Amino acid sequence: MTRGSVSRKDLRLASVQEKEETYKLIDGLTELGVTVSIKEHESGFPAVTVDCGEIHILTDILSLEEWQAKQKKAE
């Protein structure tokens, strides 16, 4: 999906493994100080856009929140 000059990888129907690998990459970038931006997608809930460095994705907030909860539990 394209918005302006940014091409986004659509993860909404991707496997849990693919989503989690991408979320892990984004988490690693944020630990290095790269800013992350999460915004509601124009299609509405639960779709969100996530931008972090060179990673630009379209995903669902529910799987993202589930992954974050797993990470907090693991700590």
N, C-alpha and C. Protein backbone atom coordinates (compact mmCIF):
# COMPACT_ATOMS: atom_id res chain seq x y z
N MET A 1 0.84 -1.17 0.00
CA MET A 1 0.00 0.00 0.00
C MET A 1 0.89 1.23 0.00
N THR A 2 0.50 2.25 -0.72
CA THR A 2 1.34 3.43 -0.86
C THR A 2 0.64 4.66 -0.33
N ARG A 3 1.35 5.45 0.39
CA ARG A 3 0.85 6.73 0.86
C ARG A 3 1.96 7.73 0.63
N GLY A 4 1.74 8.67 -0.27
CA GLY A 4 2.81 9.59 -0.64
C GLY A 4 3.91 8.80 -1.30
N SER A 5 5.14 8.99 -0.83
CA SER A 5 6.26 8.26 -1.41
C SER A 5 6.65 7.05 -0.57
N VAL A 6 5.87 6.75 0.47
CA VAL A 6 6.18 5.64 1.36
C VAL A 6 5.40 4.41 0.93
N SER A 7 6.12 3.33 0.70
CA SER A 7 5.49 2.06 0.36
C SER A 7 5.41 1.23 1.63
N ARG A 8 4.22 0.78 1.96
CA ARG A 8 4.02 0.02 3.19
C ARG A 8 3.81 -1.46 2.89
N LYS A 9 4.41 -2.29 3.71
CA LYS A 9 4.18 -3.72 3.63
C LYS A 9 2.92 -4.03 4.44
N ASP A 10 1.96 -4.68 3.82
CA ASP A 10 0.70 -5.00 4.48
C ASP A 10 0.84 -6.33 5.23
N LEU A 11 0.80 -6.26 6.55
CA LEU A 11 0.95 -7.46 7.39
C LEU A 11 -0.37 -7.94 7.97
N ARG A 12 -1.47 -7.31 7.61
CA ARG A 12 -2.75 -7.66 8.25
C ARG A 12 -3.11 -9.13 8.08
N LEU A 13 -2.79 -9.73 6.97
CA LEU A 13 -3.12 -11.14 6.76
C LEU A 13 -1.89 -12.04 6.84
N ALA A 14 -0.78 -11.48 7.28
CA ALA A 14 0.47 -12.26 7.40
C ALA A 14 0.38 -13.22 8.58
N SER A 15 1.27 -14.18 8.60
CA SER A 15 1.32 -15.14 9.71
C SER A 15 1.76 -14.43 10.99
N VAL A 16 1.42 -15.02 12.11
CA VAL A 16 1.82 -14.48 13.41
C VAL A 16 3.34 -14.39 13.46
N GLN A 17 4.02 -15.39 12.92
CA GLN A 17 5.49 -15.40 12.93
C GLN A 17 6.05 -14.21 12.16
N GLU A 18 5.51 -13.93 10.98
CA GLU A 18 6.01 -12.81 10.18
C GLU A 18 5.74 -11.48 10.89
N LYS A 19 4.57 -11.34 11.48
CA LYS A 19 4.25 -10.11 12.22
C LYS A 19 5.23 -9.93 13.38
N GLU A 20 5.42 -11.01 14.16
CA GLU A 20 6.29 -10.91 15.33
C GLU A 20 7.74 -10.62 14.96
N GLU A 21 8.22 -11.17 13.86
CA GLU A 21 9.59 -10.87 13.41
C GLU A 21 9.72 -9.39 13.07
N THR A 22 8.71 -8.84 12.42
CA THR A 22 8.73 -7.42 12.06
C THR A 22 8.65 -6.56 13.31
N TYR A 23 7.76 -6.92 14.23
CA TYR A 23 7.63 -6.15 15.47
C TYR A 23 8.94 -6.17 16.27
N LYS A 24 9.62 -7.32 16.24
CA LYS A 24 10.91 -7.44 16.94
C LYS A 24 11.96 -6.53 16.31
N LEU A 25 11.98 -6.44 14.98
CA LEU A 25 12.91 -5.53 14.30
C LEU A 25 12.64 -4.08 14.71
N ILE A 26 11.36 -3.71 14.74
CA ILE A 26 10.98 -2.35 15.13
C ILE A 26 11.39 -2.10 16.57
N ASP A 27 11.17 -3.07 17.45
CA ASP A 27 11.56 -2.93 18.86
C ASP A 27 13.06 -2.70 18.99
N GLY A 28 13.84 -3.44 18.21
CA GLY A 28 15.29 -3.26 18.24
C GLY A 28 15.71 -1.88 17.78
N LEU A 29 15.04 -1.37 16.76
CA LEU A 29 15.35 -0.02 16.28
C LEU A 29 15.02 1.04 17.33
N THR A 30 13.90 0.85 18.01
CA THR A 30 13.52 1.84 19.03
C THR A 30 14.52 1.83 20.19
N GLU A 31 15.06 0.65 20.50
CA GLU A 31 16.09 0.56 21.54
C GLU A 31 17.36 1.31 21.14
N LEU A 32 17.58 1.45 19.82
CA LEU A 32 18.72 2.20 19.31
C LEU A 32 18.42 3.69 19.18
N GLY A 33 17.20 4.07 19.55
CA GLY A 33 16.84 5.49 19.51
C GLY A 33 16.08 5.95 18.28
N VAL A 34 15.72 5.01 17.41
CA VAL A 34 14.96 5.37 16.21
C VAL A 34 13.51 5.61 16.62
N THR A 35 12.95 6.70 16.16
CA THR A 35 11.57 7.07 16.50
C THR A 35 10.59 6.17 15.79
N VAL A 36 9.53 5.79 16.50
CA VAL A 36 8.46 5.00 15.91
C VAL A 36 7.18 5.83 15.92
N SER A 37 6.43 5.73 14.85
CA SER A 37 5.16 6.43 14.73
C SER A 37 4.07 5.41 14.41
N ILE A 38 3.01 5.41 15.22
CA ILE A 38 1.88 4.52 15.01
C ILE A 38 0.64 5.39 14.84
N LYS A 39 -0.06 5.21 13.72
CA LYS A 39 -1.25 6.02 13.44
C LYS A 39 -2.37 5.14 12.93
N GLU A 40 -3.60 5.52 13.26
CA GLU A 40 -4.75 4.81 12.73
C GLU A 40 -4.76 4.94 11.21
N HIS A 41 -5.00 3.83 10.53
CA HIS A 41 -5.07 3.84 9.07
C HIS A 41 -6.43 4.39 8.65
N GLU A 42 -6.47 4.98 7.47
CA GLU A 42 -7.70 5.58 6.96
C GLU A 42 -8.85 4.59 6.86
N SER A 43 -8.56 3.28 6.79
CA SER A 43 -9.61 2.28 6.72
C SER A 43 -10.29 2.05 8.07
N GLY A 44 -9.68 2.57 9.13
CA GLY A 44 -10.29 2.48 10.46
C GLY A 44 -9.79 1.32 11.30
N PHE A 45 -10.33 1.23 12.51
CA PHE A 45 -9.97 0.20 13.47
C PHE A 45 -10.17 -1.17 12.88
N PRO A 46 -9.26 -2.10 13.09
CA PRO A 46 -8.07 -2.05 13.91
C PRO A 46 -6.78 -1.77 13.13
N ALA A 47 -6.90 -1.29 11.89
CA ALA A 47 -5.72 -1.09 11.05
C ALA A 47 -4.91 0.14 11.48
N VAL A 48 -3.59 -0.04 11.57
CA VAL A 48 -2.68 1.05 11.91
C VAL A 48 -1.48 1.03 10.98
N THR A 49 -0.89 2.19 10.79
CA THR A 49 0.38 2.28 10.08
C THR A 49 1.47 2.44 11.12
N VAL A 50 2.60 1.81 10.87
CA VAL A 50 3.74 1.90 11.76
C VAL A 50 4.95 2.28 10.91
N ASP A 51 5.63 3.34 11.32
CA ASP A 51 6.83 3.80 10.64
C ASP A 51 7.97 3.86 11.65
N CYS A 52 9.08 3.23 11.30
CA CYS A 52 10.25 3.23 12.17
C CYS A 52 11.48 3.06 11.27
N GLY A 53 12.24 4.13 11.13
CA GLY A 53 13.39 4.07 10.24
C GLY A 53 12.95 3.75 8.83
N GLU A 54 13.51 2.68 8.27
CA GLU A 54 13.17 2.26 6.90
C GLU A 54 12.02 1.25 6.87
N ILE A 55 11.44 0.95 8.02
CA ILE A 55 10.34 0.00 8.09
C ILE A 55 9.03 0.76 8.07
N HIS A 56 8.17 0.43 7.12
CA HIS A 56 6.86 1.06 6.97
C HIS A 56 5.85 -0.05 6.74
N ILE A 57 4.97 -0.26 7.73
CA ILE A 57 4.03 -1.37 7.62
C ILE A 57 2.60 -0.91 7.88
N LEU A 58 1.68 -1.74 7.41
CA LEU A 58 0.27 -1.63 7.71
C LEU A 58 -0.06 -2.92 8.45
N THR A 59 -0.58 -2.80 9.66
CA THR A 59 -0.86 -3.99 10.46
C THR A 59 -2.11 -3.73 11.29
N ASP A 60 -2.43 -4.68 12.14
CA ASP A 60 -3.58 -4.49 13.02
C ASP A 60 -3.08 -4.25 14.44
N ILE A 61 -3.73 -3.33 15.12
CA ILE A 61 -3.32 -2.94 16.47
C ILE A 61 -3.48 -4.10 17.44
N LEU A 62 -4.43 -5.00 17.19
CA LEU A 62 -4.67 -6.10 18.11
C LEU A 62 -3.47 -7.04 18.20
N SER A 63 -2.89 -7.42 17.06
CA SER A 63 -1.72 -8.30 17.09
C SER A 63 -0.50 -7.57 17.66
N LEU A 64 -0.41 -6.29 17.39
CA LEU A 64 0.71 -5.50 17.93
C LEU A 64 0.62 -5.42 19.45
N GLU A 65 -0.57 -5.17 19.97
CA GLU A 65 -0.75 -5.11 21.43
C GLU A 65 -0.51 -6.48 22.07
N GLU A 66 -0.94 -7.54 21.40
CA GLU A 66 -0.72 -8.90 21.91
C GLU A 66 0.77 -9.19 22.00
N TRP A 67 1.53 -8.80 20.96
CA TRP A 67 2.97 -9.02 20.96
C TRP A 67 3.63 -8.23 22.09
N GLN A 68 3.21 -6.97 22.28
CA GLN A 68 3.78 -6.15 23.35
C GLN A 68 3.50 -6.76 24.72
N ALA A 69 2.29 -7.29 24.91
CA ALA A 69 1.94 -7.94 26.19
C ALA A 69 2.83 -9.15 26.45
N LYS A 70 3.10 -9.93 25.39
CA LYS A 70 3.99 -11.10 25.54
C LYS A 70 5.39 -10.66 25.94
N GLN A 71 5.86 -9.56 25.36
CA GLN A 71 7.20 -9.07 25.67
C GLN A 71 7.31 -8.62 27.12
N LYS A 72 6.29 -7.92 27.60
CA LYS A 72 6.28 -7.46 28.99
C LYS A 72 6.24 -8.66 29.95
N LYS A 73 5.47 -9.67 29.58
CA LYS A 73 5.36 -10.87 30.42
C LYS A 73 6.70 -11.60 30.49
N ALA A 74 7.43 -11.60 29.37
CA ALA A 74 8.73 -12.29 29.30
C ALA A 74 9.79 -11.59 30.13
N GLU A 75 9.62 -10.28 30.37
CA GLU A 75 10.62 -9.51 31.14
C GLU A 75 10.51 -9.85 32.55
